[in-house]
Amino acid sequence: GIKSGKVVTYYDLETGLKVSSVATQEQGGQVMNIVTTYEDYKEV
């Protein structure tokens, strides 16, 4: 993972591809983690 601000982005150690992001968001006095995974890479 690489942390920048309130986001940690994860890169596959083997392939180097970006595979996930975790964004920390505060809402209503509670901390919420928004997790996104990235899949199905295609060449454009």
All heavy atoms as atom14 arrays in JSON, in Angstrom:
{
  "sequence": "GIKSGKVVTYYDLETGLKVSSVATQEQGGQVMNIVTTYEDYKEV",
  "atom14_mask": [
    [1, 1, 1, 1, 0, 0, 0, 0, 0, 0, 0, 0, 0, 0],
    [1, 1, 1, 1, 1, 1, 1, 1, 0, 0, 0, 0, 0, 0],
    [1, 1, 1, 1, 1, 1, 1, 1, 1, 0, 0, 0, 0, 0],
    [1, 1, 1, 1, 1, 1, 0, 0, 0, 0, 0, 0, 0, 0],
    [1, 1, 1, 1, 0, 0, 0, 0, 0, 0, 0, 0, 0, 0],
    [1, 1, 1, 1, 1, 1, 1, 1, 1, 0, 0, 0, 0, 0],
    [1, 1, 1, 1, 1, 1, 1, 0, 0, 0, 0, 0, 0, 0],
    [1, 1, 1, 1, 1, 1, 1, 0, 0, 0, 0, 0, 0, 0],
    [1, 1, 1, 1, 1, 1, 1, 0, 0, 0, 0, 0, 0, 0],
    [1, 1, 1, 1, 1, 1, 1, 1, 1, 1, 1, 1, 0, 0],
    [1, 1, 1, 1, 1, 1, 1, 1, 1, 1, 1, 1, 0, 0],
    [1, 1, 1, 1, 1, 1, 1, 1, 0, 0, 0, 0, 0, 0],
    [1, 1, 1, 1, 1, 1, 1, 1, 0, 0, 0, 0, 0, 0],
    [1, 1, 1, 1, 1, 1, 1, 1, 1, 0, 0, 0, 0, 0],
    [1, 1, 1, 1, 1, 1, 1, 0, 0, 0, 0, 0, 0, 0],
    [1, 1, 1, 1, 0, 0, 0, 0, 0, 0, 0, 0, 0, 0],
    [1, 1, 1, 1, 1, 1, 1, 1, 0, 0, 0, 0, 0, 0],
    [1, 1, 1, 1, 1, 1, 1, 1, 1, 0, 0, 0, 0, 0],
    [1, 1, 1, 1, 1, 1, 1, 0, 0, 0, 0, 0, 0, 0],
    [1, 1, 1, 1, 1, 1, 0, 0, 0, 0, 0, 0, 0, 0],
    [1, 1, 1, 1, 1, 1, 0, 0, 0, 0, 0, 0, 0, 0],
    [1, 1, 1, 1, 1, 1, 1, 0, 0, 0, 0, 0, 0, 0],
    [1, 1, 1, 1, 1, 0, 0, 0, 0, 0, 0, 0, 0, 0],
    [1, 1, 1, 1, 1, 1, 1, 0, 0, 0, 0, 0, 0, 0],
    [1, 1, 1, 1, 1, 1, 1, 1, 1, 0, 0, 0, 0, 0],
    [1, 1, 1, 1, 1, 1, 1, 1, 1, 0, 0, 0, 0, 0],
    [1, 1, 1, 1, 1, 1, 1, 1, 1, 0, 0, 0, 0, 0],
    [1, 1, 1, 1, 0, 0, 0, 0, 0, 0, 0, 0, 0, 0],
    [1, 1, 1, 1, 0, 0, 0, 0, 0, 0, 0, 0, 0, 0],
    [1, 1, 1, 1, 1, 1, 1, 1, 1, 0, 0, 0, 0, 0],
    [1, 1, 1, 1, 1, 1, 1, 0, 0, 0, 0, 0, 0, 0],
    [1, 1, 1, 1, 1, 1, 1, 1, 0, 0, 0, 0, 0, 0],
    [1, 1, 1, 1, 1, 1, 1, 1, 0, 0, 0, 0, 0, 0],
    [1, 1, 1, 1, 1, 1, 1, 1, 0, 0, 0, 0, 0, 0],
    [1, 1, 1, 1, 1, 1, 1, 0, 0, 0, 0, 0, 0, 0],
    [1, 1, 1, 1, 1, 1, 1, 0, 0, 0, 0, 0, 0, 0],
    [1, 1, 1, 1, 1, 1, 1, 0, 0, 0, 0, 0, 0, 0],
    [1, 1, 1, 1, 1, 1, 1, 1, 1, 1, 1, 1, 0, 0],
    [1, 1, 1, 1, 1, 1, 1, 1, 1, 0, 0, 0, 0, 0],
    [1, 1, 1, 1, 1, 1, 1, 1, 0, 0, 0, 0, 0, 0],
    [1, 1, 1, 1, 1, 1, 1, 1, 1, 1, 1, 1, 0, 0],
    [1, 1, 1, 1, 1, 1, 1, 1, 1, 0, 0, 0, 0, 0],
    [1, 1, 1, 1, 1, 1, 1, 1, 1, 0, 0, 0, 0, 0],
    [1, 1, 1, 1, 1, 1, 1, 0, 0, 0, 0, 0, 0, 0]
  ],
  "atom14_positions": [
    [[0.81, -1.21, 0.0], [0.0, 0.0, 0.0], [0.84, 1.26, 0.0], [1.91, 1.31, 0.6], [0.0, 0.0, 0.0], [0.0, 0.0, 0.0], [0.0, 0.0, 0.0], [0.0, 0.0, 0.0], [0.0, 0.0, 0.0], [0.0, 0.0, 0.0], [0.0, 0.0, 0.0], [0.0, 0.0, 0.0], [0.0, 0.0, 0.0], [0.0, 0.0, 0.0]],
    [[0.33, 2.29, -0.67], [0.92, 3.62, -0.62], [-0.15, 4.56, -0.06], [-1.25, 4.66, -0.61], [1.38, 4.11, -2.0], [2.5, 3.23, -2.53], [1.83, 5.57, -1.92], [3.0, 3.64, -3.9], [0.0, 0.0, 0.0], [0.0, 0.0, 0.0], [0.0, 0.0, 0.0], [0.0, 0.0, 0.0], [0.0, 0.0, 0.0], [0.0, 0.0, 0.0]],
    [[0.18, 5.25, 1.02], [-0.76, 6.17, 1.65], [-0.5, 7.59, 1.17], [0.63, 8.07, 1.19], [-0.63, 6.11, 3.17], [-1.68, 6.91, 3.92], [-1.54, 6.73, 5.42], [-2.72, 7.35, 6.19], [-2.92, 8.77, 5.89], [0.0, 0.0, 0.0], [0.0, 0.0, 0.0], [0.0, 0.0, 0.0], [0.0, 0.0, 0.0], [0.0, 0.0, 0.0]],
    [[-1.57, 8.23, 0.72], [-1.48, 9.62, 0.29], [-2.76, 10.32, 0.76], [-3.84, 10.02, 0.26], [-1.35, 9.73, -1.22], [-1.33, 11.08, -1.63], [0.0, 0.0, 0.0], [0.0, 0.0, 0.0], [0.0, 0.0, 0.0], [0.0, 0.0, 0.0], [0.0, 0.0, 0.0], [0.0, 0.0, 0.0], [0.0, 0.0, 0.0], [0.0, 0.0, 0.0]],
    [[-2.63, 11.2, 1.72], [-3.81, 11.83, 2.29], [-4.68, 10.81, 3.01], [-4.19, 10.03, 3.84], [0.0, 0.0, 0.0], [0.0, 0.0, 0.0], [0.0, 0.0, 0.0], [0.0, 0.0, 0.0], [0.0, 0.0, 0.0], [0.0, 0.0, 0.0], [0.0, 0.0, 0.0], [0.0, 0.0, 0.0], [0.0, 0.0, 0.0], [0.0, 0.0, 0.0]],
    [[-5.96, 10.76, 2.66], [-6.89, 9.84, 3.3], [-7.12, 8.57, 2.48], [-8.07, 7.82, 2.73], [-8.23, 10.53, 3.55], [-8.15, 11.68, 4.55], [-9.52, 12.29, 4.8], [-9.44, 13.41, 5.83], [-10.77, 14.02, 6.09], [0.0, 0.0, 0.0], [0.0, 0.0, 0.0], [0.0, 0.0, 0.0], [0.0, 0.0, 0.0], [0.0, 0.0, 0.0]],
    [[-6.26, 8.32, 1.5], [-6.42, 7.16, 0.63], [-5.18, 6.29, 0.68], [-4.06, 6.79, 0.62], [-6.7, 7.59, -0.83], [-6.86, 6.36, -1.72], [-7.93, 8.47, -0.91], [0.0, 0.0, 0.0], [0.0, 0.0, 0.0], [0.0, 0.0, 0.0], [0.0, 0.0, 0.0], [0.0, 0.0, 0.0], [0.0, 0.0, 0.0], [0.0, 0.0, 0.0]],
    [[-5.39, 4.98, 0.82], [-4.31, 4.01, 0.68], [-4.6, 3.18, -0.56], [-5.68, 2.58, -0.68], [-4.19, 3.08, 1.91], [-3.05, 2.09, 1.7], [-3.96, 3.89, 3.17], [0.0, 0.0, 0.0], [0.0, 0.0, 0.0], [0.0, 0.0, 0.0], [0.0, 0.0, 0.0], [0.0, 0.0, 0.0], [0.0, 0.0, 0.0], [0.0, 0.0, 0.0]],
    [[-3.66, 3.16, -1.5], [-3.81, 2.41, -2.74], [-2.85, 1.23, -2.73], [-1.68, 1.39, -2.38], [-3.54, 3.3, -3.96], [-4.37, 4.47, -3.89], [-3.84, 2.56, -5.25], [0.0, 0.0, 0.0], [0.0, 0.0, 0.0], [0.0, 0.0, 0.0], [0.0, 0.0, 0.0], [0.0, 0.0, 0.0], [0.0, 0.0, 0.0], [0.0, 0.0, 0.0]],
    [[-3.38, 0.05, -3.09], [-2.59, -1.18, -3.03], [-2.23, -1.66, -4.44], [-3.06, -1.66, -5.35], [-3.35, -2.27, -2.28], [-3.47, -1.96, -0.81], [-4.58, -1.28, -0.31], [-2.47, -2.33, 0.09], [-4.69, -0.97, 1.04], [-2.57, -2.03, 1.44], [-3.68, -1.35, 1.91], [-3.77, -1.05, 3.25], [0.0, 0.0, 0.0], [0.0, 0.0, 0.0]],
    [[-0.95, -2.09, -4.56], [-0.42, -2.57, -5.83], [0.1, -3.99, -5.64], [0.81, -4.28, -4.67], [0.71, -1.65, -6.31], [0.28, -0.21, -6.49], [0.28, 0.67, -5.39], [-0.13, 0.28, -7.72], [-0.12, 1.99, -5.53], [-0.54, 1.6, -7.87], [-0.53, 2.45, -6.77], [-0.93, 3.76, -6.91], [0.0, 0.0, 0.0], [0.0, 0.0, 0.0]],
    [[-0.28, -4.87, -6.56], [0.13, -6.27, -6.49], [1.66, -6.37, -6.49], [2.33, -5.83, -7.38], [-0.45, -7.02, -7.69], [-0.29, -8.52, -7.58], [0.87, -8.98, -7.54], [-1.31, -9.23, -7.54], [0.0, 0.0, 0.0], [0.0, 0.0, 0.0], [0.0, 0.0, 0.0], [0.0, 0.0, 0.0], [0.0, 0.0, 0.0], [0.0, 0.0, 0.0]],
    [[2.2, -7.07, -5.48], [3.66, -7.18, -5.37], [4.27, -7.93, -6.55], [5.42, -7.68, -6.91], [4.03, -7.91, -4.07], [4.09, -7.05, -2.81], [4.26, -7.91, -1.58], [5.22, -6.04, -2.9], [0.0, 0.0, 0.0], [0.0, 0.0, 0.0], [0.0, 0.0, 0.0], [0.0, 0.0, 0.0], [0.0, 0.0, 0.0], [0.0, 0.0, 0.0]],
    [[3.48, -8.82, -7.14], [4.01, -9.62, -8.25], [3.88, -8.91, -9.59], [4.84, -8.78, -10.34], [3.3, -10.97, -8.3], [3.82, -11.91, -9.37], [3.08, -13.23, -9.38], [2.4, -13.56, -8.38], [3.18, -13.95, -10.4], [0.0, 0.0, 0.0], [0.0, 0.0, 0.0], [0.0, 0.0, 0.0], [0.0, 0.0, 0.0], [0.0, 0.0, 0.0]],
    [[2.66, -8.45, -9.91], [2.41, -7.87, -11.23], [2.63, -6.36, -11.27], [2.84, -5.79, -12.34], [0.97, -8.14, -11.67], [0.06, -7.45, -10.8], [0.66, -9.64, -11.63], [0.0, 0.0, 0.0], [0.0, 0.0, 0.0], [0.0, 0.0, 0.0], [0.0, 0.0, 0.0], [0.0, 0.0, 0.0], [0.0, 0.0, 0.0], [0.0, 0.0, 0.0]],
    [[2.54, -5.7, -10.12], [2.65, -4.25, -10.08], [1.35, -3.52, -10.33], [1.27, -2.3, -10.13], [0.0, 0.0, 0.0], [0.0, 0.0, 0.0], [0.0, 0.0, 0.0], [0.0, 0.0, 0.0], [0.0, 0.0, 0.0], [0.0, 0.0, 0.0], [0.0, 0.0, 0.0], [0.0, 0.0, 0.0], [0.0, 0.0, 0.0], [0.0, 0.0, 0.0]],
    [[0.29, -4.23, -10.75], [-0.98, -3.59, -11.07], [-1.69, -3.07, -9.83], [-1.58, -3.64, -8.75], [-1.89, -4.57, -11.81], [-1.45, -5.01, -13.2], [-2.38, -6.09, -13.73], [-1.39, -3.82, -14.16], [0.0, 0.0, 0.0], [0.0, 0.0, 0.0], [0.0, 0.0, 0.0], [0.0, 0.0, 0.0], [0.0, 0.0, 0.0], [0.0, 0.0, 0.0]],
    [[-2.41, -1.97, -10.0], [-3.22, -1.44, -8.9], [-4.41, -2.37, -8.7], [-5.17, -2.64, -9.63], [-3.69, -0.02, -9.24], [-4.59, 0.6, -8.2], [-4.7, 2.11, -8.34], [-5.14, 2.56, -9.71], [-5.22, 4.01, -9.84], [0.0, 0.0, 0.0], [0.0, 0.0, 0.0], [0.0, 0.0, 0.0], [0.0, 0.0, 0.0], [0.0, 0.0, 0.0]],
    [[-4.61, -2.84, -7.46], [-5.66, -3.83, -7.2], [-6.71, -3.35, -6.2], [-7.78, -3.93, -6.12], [-5.05, -5.16, -6.71], [-4.29, -5.84, -7.84], [-4.14, -4.94, -5.5], [0.0, 0.0, 0.0], [0.0, 0.0, 0.0], [0.0, 0.0, 0.0], [0.0, 0.0, 0.0], [0.0, 0.0, 0.0], [0.0, 0.0, 0.0], [0.0, 0.0, 0.0]],
    [[-6.41, -2.31, -5.44], [-7.38, -1.87, -4.44], [-7.09, -0.46, -3.96], [-5.95, -0.01, -4.0], [-7.38, -2.83, -3.25], [-8.28, -2.42, -2.24], [0.0, 0.0, 0.0], [0.0, 0.0, 0.0], [0.0, 0.0, 0.0], [0.0, 0.0, 0.0], [0.0, 0.0, 0.0], [0.0, 0.0, 0.0], [0.0, 0.0, 0.0], [0.0, 0.0, 0.0]],
    [[-8.16, 0.22, -3.51], [-8.02, 1.52, -2.85], [-8.9, 1.54, -1.61], [-10.02, 1.01, -1.63], [-8.45, 2.67, -3.77], [-7.54, 2.84, -4.83], [0.0, 0.0, 0.0], [0.0, 0.0, 0.0], [0.0, 0.0, 0.0], [0.0, 0.0, 0.0], [0.0, 0.0, 0.0], [0.0, 0.0, 0.0], [0.0, 0.0, 0.0], [0.0, 0.0, 0.0]],
    [[-8.41, 2.13, -0.55], [-9.19, 2.29, 0.68], [-9.22, 3.78, 1.01], [-8.19, 4.37, 1.33], [-8.6, 1.49, 1.85], [-9.47, 1.68, 3.1], [-8.47, 0.02, 1.51], [0.0, 0.0, 0.0], [0.0, 0.0, 0.0], [0.0, 0.0, 0.0], [0.0, 0.0, 0.0], [0.0, 0.0, 0.0], [0.0, 0.0, 0.0], [0.0, 0.0, 0.0]],
    [[-10.41, 4.37, 0.89], [-10.57, 5.8, 1.18], [-11.28, 5.96, 2.51], [-12.32, 5.36, 2.74], [-11.37, 6.48, 0.07], [0.0, 0.0, 0.0], [0.0, 0.0, 0.0], [0.0, 0.0, 0.0], [0.0, 0.0, 0.0], [0.0, 0.0, 0.0], [0.0, 0.0, 0.0], [0.0, 0.0, 0.0], [0.0, 0.0, 0.0], [0.0, 0.0, 0.0]],
    [[-10.71, 6.75, 3.38], [-11.31, 7.0, 4.7], [-12.14, 8.26, 4.63], [-11.67, 9.32, 4.21], [-10.22, 7.16, 5.77], [-9.44, 5.96, 5.81], [-10.84, 7.38, 7.14], [0.0, 0.0, 0.0], [0.0, 0.0, 0.0], [0.0, 0.0, 0.0], [0.0, 0.0, 0.0], [0.0, 0.0, 0.0], [0.0, 0.0, 0.0], [0.0, 0.0, 0.0]],
    [[-13.4, 8.13, 5.04], [-14.33, 9.26, 4.97], [-15.04, 9.4, 6.3], [-15.48, 8.42, 6.9], [-15.36, 9.01, 3.86], [-16.41, 10.09, 3.73], [-17.39, 9.78, 2.6], [-17.08, 9.08, 1.67], [-18.6, 10.3, 2.72], [0.0, 0.0, 0.0], [0.0, 0.0, 0.0], [0.0, 0.0, 0.0], [0.0, 0.0, 0.0], [0.0, 0.0, 0.0]],
    [[-15.17, 10.64, 6.79], [-15.89, 10.91, 8.03], [-17.28, 11.41, 7.68], [-17.45, 12.32, 6.88], [-15.14, 11.94, 8.87], [-13.82, 11.44, 9.41], [-13.15, 12.44, 10.34], [-13.85, 13.38, 10.75], [-11.97, 12.27, 10.63], [0.0, 0.0, 0.0], [0.0, 0.0, 0.0], [0.0, 0.0, 0.0], [0.0, 0.0, 0.0], [0.0, 0.0, 0.0]],
    [[-18.28, 10.76, 8.29], [-19.67, 11.13, 8.0], [-20.5, 10.94, 9.26], [-20.5, 9.87, 9.86], [-20.21, 10.27, 6.87], [-21.52, 10.77, 6.29], [-21.92, 9.98, 5.06], [-21.7, 8.78, 4.98], [-22.51, 10.64, 4.09], [0.0, 0.0, 0.0], [0.0, 0.0, 0.0], [0.0, 0.0, 0.0], [0.0, 0.0, 0.0], [0.0, 0.0, 0.0]],
    [[-21.19, 11.98, 9.67], [-22.05, 11.88, 10.84], [-21.3, 11.55, 12.1], [-21.82, 10.89, 13.0], [0.0, 0.0, 0.0], [0.0, 0.0, 0.0], [0.0, 0.0, 0.0], [0.0, 0.0, 0.0], [0.0, 0.0, 0.0], [0.0, 0.0, 0.0], [0.0, 0.0, 0.0], [0.0, 0.0, 0.0], [0.0, 0.0, 0.0], [0.0, 0.0, 0.0]],
    [[-20.05, 11.98, 12.18], [-19.25, 11.71, 13.37], [-18.65, 10.32, 13.41], [-17.97, 9.96, 14.38], [0.0, 0.0, 0.0], [0.0, 0.0, 0.0], [0.0, 0.0, 0.0], [0.0, 0.0, 0.0], [0.0, 0.0, 0.0], [0.0, 0.0, 0.0], [0.0, 0.0, 0.0], [0.0, 0.0, 0.0], [0.0, 0.0, 0.0], [0.0, 0.0, 0.0]],
    [[-18.86, 9.52, 12.34], [-18.3, 8.18, 12.28], [-17.32, 8.08, 11.11], [-17.45, 8.75, 10.09], [-19.4, 7.14, 12.11], [-20.3, 7.02, 13.33], [-21.23, 5.82, 13.23], [-21.22, 5.09, 12.25], [-22.03, 5.61, 14.26], [0.0, 0.0, 0.0], [0.0, 0.0, 0.0], [0.0, 0.0, 0.0], [0.0, 0.0, 0.0], [0.0, 0.0, 0.0]],
    [[-16.33, 7.22, 11.31], [-15.33, 6.99, 10.27], [-15.77, 5.82, 9.41], [-16.14, 4.76, 9.91], [-13.94, 6.71, 10.89], [-12.94, 6.39, 9.8], [-13.48, 7.9, 11.72], [0.0, 0.0, 0.0], [0.0, 0.0, 0.0], [0.0, 0.0, 0.0], [0.0, 0.0, 0.0], [0.0, 0.0, 0.0], [0.0, 0.0, 0.0], [0.0, 0.0, 0.0]],
    [[-15.73, 6.01, 8.11], [-16.18, 4.99, 7.16], [-15.06, 4.71, 6.16], [-14.48, 5.64, 5.6], [-17.44, 5.48, 6.45], [-17.95, 4.59, 5.35], [-19.42, 5.35, 4.58], [-19.72, 4.2, 3.24], [0.0, 0.0, 0.0], [0.0, 0.0, 0.0], [0.0, 0.0, 0.0], [0.0, 0.0, 0.0], [0.0, 0.0, 0.0], [0.0, 0.0, 0.0]],
    [[-14.76, 3.44, 5.95], [-13.78, 3.05, 4.94], [-14.49, 2.61, 3.67], [-15.36, 1.74, 3.71], [-12.89, 1.91, 5.44], [-11.88, 2.39, 6.45], [-11.47, 3.56, 6.44], [-11.45, 1.52, 7.34], [0.0, 0.0, 0.0], [0.0, 0.0, 0.0], [0.0, 0.0, 0.0], [0.0, 0.0, 0.0], [0.0, 0.0, 0.0], [0.0, 0.0, 0.0]],
    [[-14.14, 3.21, 2.55], [-14.71, 2.84, 1.26], [-13.64, 2.06, 0.49], [-12.59, 2.59, 0.13], [-15.13, 4.08, 0.46], [-16.18, 4.86, 1.26], [-15.67, 3.69, -0.9], [-16.47, 6.23, 0.71], [0.0, 0.0, 0.0], [0.0, 0.0, 0.0], [0.0, 0.0, 0.0], [0.0, 0.0, 0.0], [0.0, 0.0, 0.0], [0.0, 0.0, 0.0]],
    [[-13.9, 0.78, 0.29], [-12.92, -0.11, -0.34], [-13.33, -0.38, -1.78], [-14.48, -0.74, -2.05], [-12.8, -1.44, 0.43], [-11.83, -2.38, -0.27], [-12.34, -1.19, 1.86], [0.0, 0.0, 0.0], [0.0, 0.0, 0.0], [0.0, 0.0, 0.0], [0.0, 0.0, 0.0], [0.0, 0.0, 0.0], [0.0, 0.0, 0.0], [0.0, 0.0, 0.0]],
    [[-12.39, -0.23, -2.69], [-12.63, -0.53, -4.1], [-11.54, -1.46, -4.61], [-10.36, -1.22, -4.37], [-12.64, 0.75, -4.95], [-13.59, 1.67, -4.41], [-12.99, 0.44, -6.39], [0.0, 0.0, 0.0], [0.0, 0.0, 0.0], [0.0, 0.0, 0.0], [0.0, 0.0, 0.0], [0.0, 0.0, 0.0], [0.0, 0.0, 0.0], [0.0, 0.0, 0.0]],
    [[-11.95, -2.53, -5.26], [-10.97, -3.42, -5.9], [-11.04, -3.22, -7.41], [-12.11, -2.97, -7.97], [-11.24, -4.89, -5.55], [-12.58, -5.23, -5.94], [-11.07, -5.13, -4.06], [0.0, 0.0, 0.0], [0.0, 0.0, 0.0], [0.0, 0.0, 0.0], [0.0, 0.0, 0.0], [0.0, 0.0, 0.0], [0.0, 0.0, 0.0], [0.0, 0.0, 0.0]],
    [[-9.89, -3.35, -8.07], [-9.78, -3.15, -9.51], [-9.44, -4.48, -10.17], [-8.49, -5.16, -9.77], [-8.7, -2.11, -9.82], [-8.91, -0.79, -9.13], [-8.31, -0.52, -7.9], [-9.75, 0.18, -9.68], [-8.52, 0.69, -7.24], [-9.96, 1.39, -9.03], [-9.34, 1.64, -7.81], [-9.56, 2.83, -7.16], [0.0, 0.0, 0.0], [0.0, 0.0, 0.0]],
    [[-10.22, -4.81, -11.2], [-10.05, -6.12, -11.84], [-10.2, -5.98, -13.36], [-10.51, -4.92, -13.87], [-11.11, -7.11, -11.31], [-11.15, -7.24, -9.8], [-12.35, -8.03, -9.31], [-12.89, -8.85, -10.1], [-12.76, -7.84, -8.15], [0.0, 0.0, 0.0], [0.0, 0.0, 0.0], [0.0, 0.0, 0.0], [0.0, 0.0, 0.0], [0.0, 0.0, 0.0]],
    [[-10.0, -7.12, -14.03], [-10.26, -7.24, -15.47], [-9.52, -6.18, -16.29], [-10.13, -5.39, -17.01], [-11.77, -7.16, -15.73], [-12.14, -7.58, -17.15], [-11.34, -8.31, -17.77], [-13.22, -7.19, -17.63], [0.0, 0.0, 0.0], [0.0, 0.0, 0.0], [0.0, 0.0, 0.0], [0.0, 0.0, 0.0], [0.0, 0.0, 0.0], [0.0, 0.0, 0.0]],
    [[-8.2, -6.17, -16.18], [-7.4, -5.22, -16.95], [-7.42, -5.57, -18.43], [-7.23, -6.74, -18.81], [-5.96, -5.19, -16.44], [-5.74, -4.27, -15.25], [-6.04, -4.69, -13.95], [-5.27, -2.97, -15.43], [-5.85, -3.84, -12.87], [-5.08, -2.12, -14.35], [-5.37, -2.56, -13.08], [-5.18, -1.71, -12.01], [0.0, 0.0, 0.0], [0.0, 0.0, 0.0]],
    [[-7.66, -4.56, -19.27], [-7.63, -4.73, -20.73], [-6.8, -3.6, -21.34], [-6.72, -2.51, -20.79], [-9.05, -4.7, -21.29], [-9.93, -5.85, -20.82], [-11.34, -5.73, -21.4], [-12.23, -6.85, -20.88], [-13.62, -6.73, -21.41], [0.0, 0.0, 0.0], [0.0, 0.0, 0.0], [0.0, 0.0, 0.0], [0.0, 0.0, 0.0], [0.0, 0.0, 0.0]],
    [[-6.24, -3.9, -22.5], [-5.37, -2.92, -23.14], [-6.17, -2.0, -24.06], [-6.97, -2.45, -24.87], [-4.28, -3.64, -23.93], [-3.12, -2.74, -24.33], [-1.94, -3.52, -24.88], [-1.29, -4.23, -24.09], [-1.7, -3.41, -26.1], [0.0, 0.0, 0.0], [0.0, 0.0, 0.0], [0.0, 0.0, 0.0], [0.0, 0.0, 0.0], [0.0, 0.0, 0.0]],
    [[-5.95, -0.71, -23.91], [-6.56, 0.3, -24.78], [-5.44, 1.18, -25.31], [-4.79, 1.9, -24.55], [-7.59, 1.16, -24.02], [-8.22, 2.19, -24.96], [-8.67, 0.29, -23.39], [0.0, 0.0, 0.0], [0.0, 0.0, 0.0], [0.0, 0.0, 0.0], [0.0, 0.0, 0.0], [0.0, 0.0, 0.0], [0.0, 0.0, 0.0], [0.0, 0.0, 0.0]]
  ]
}
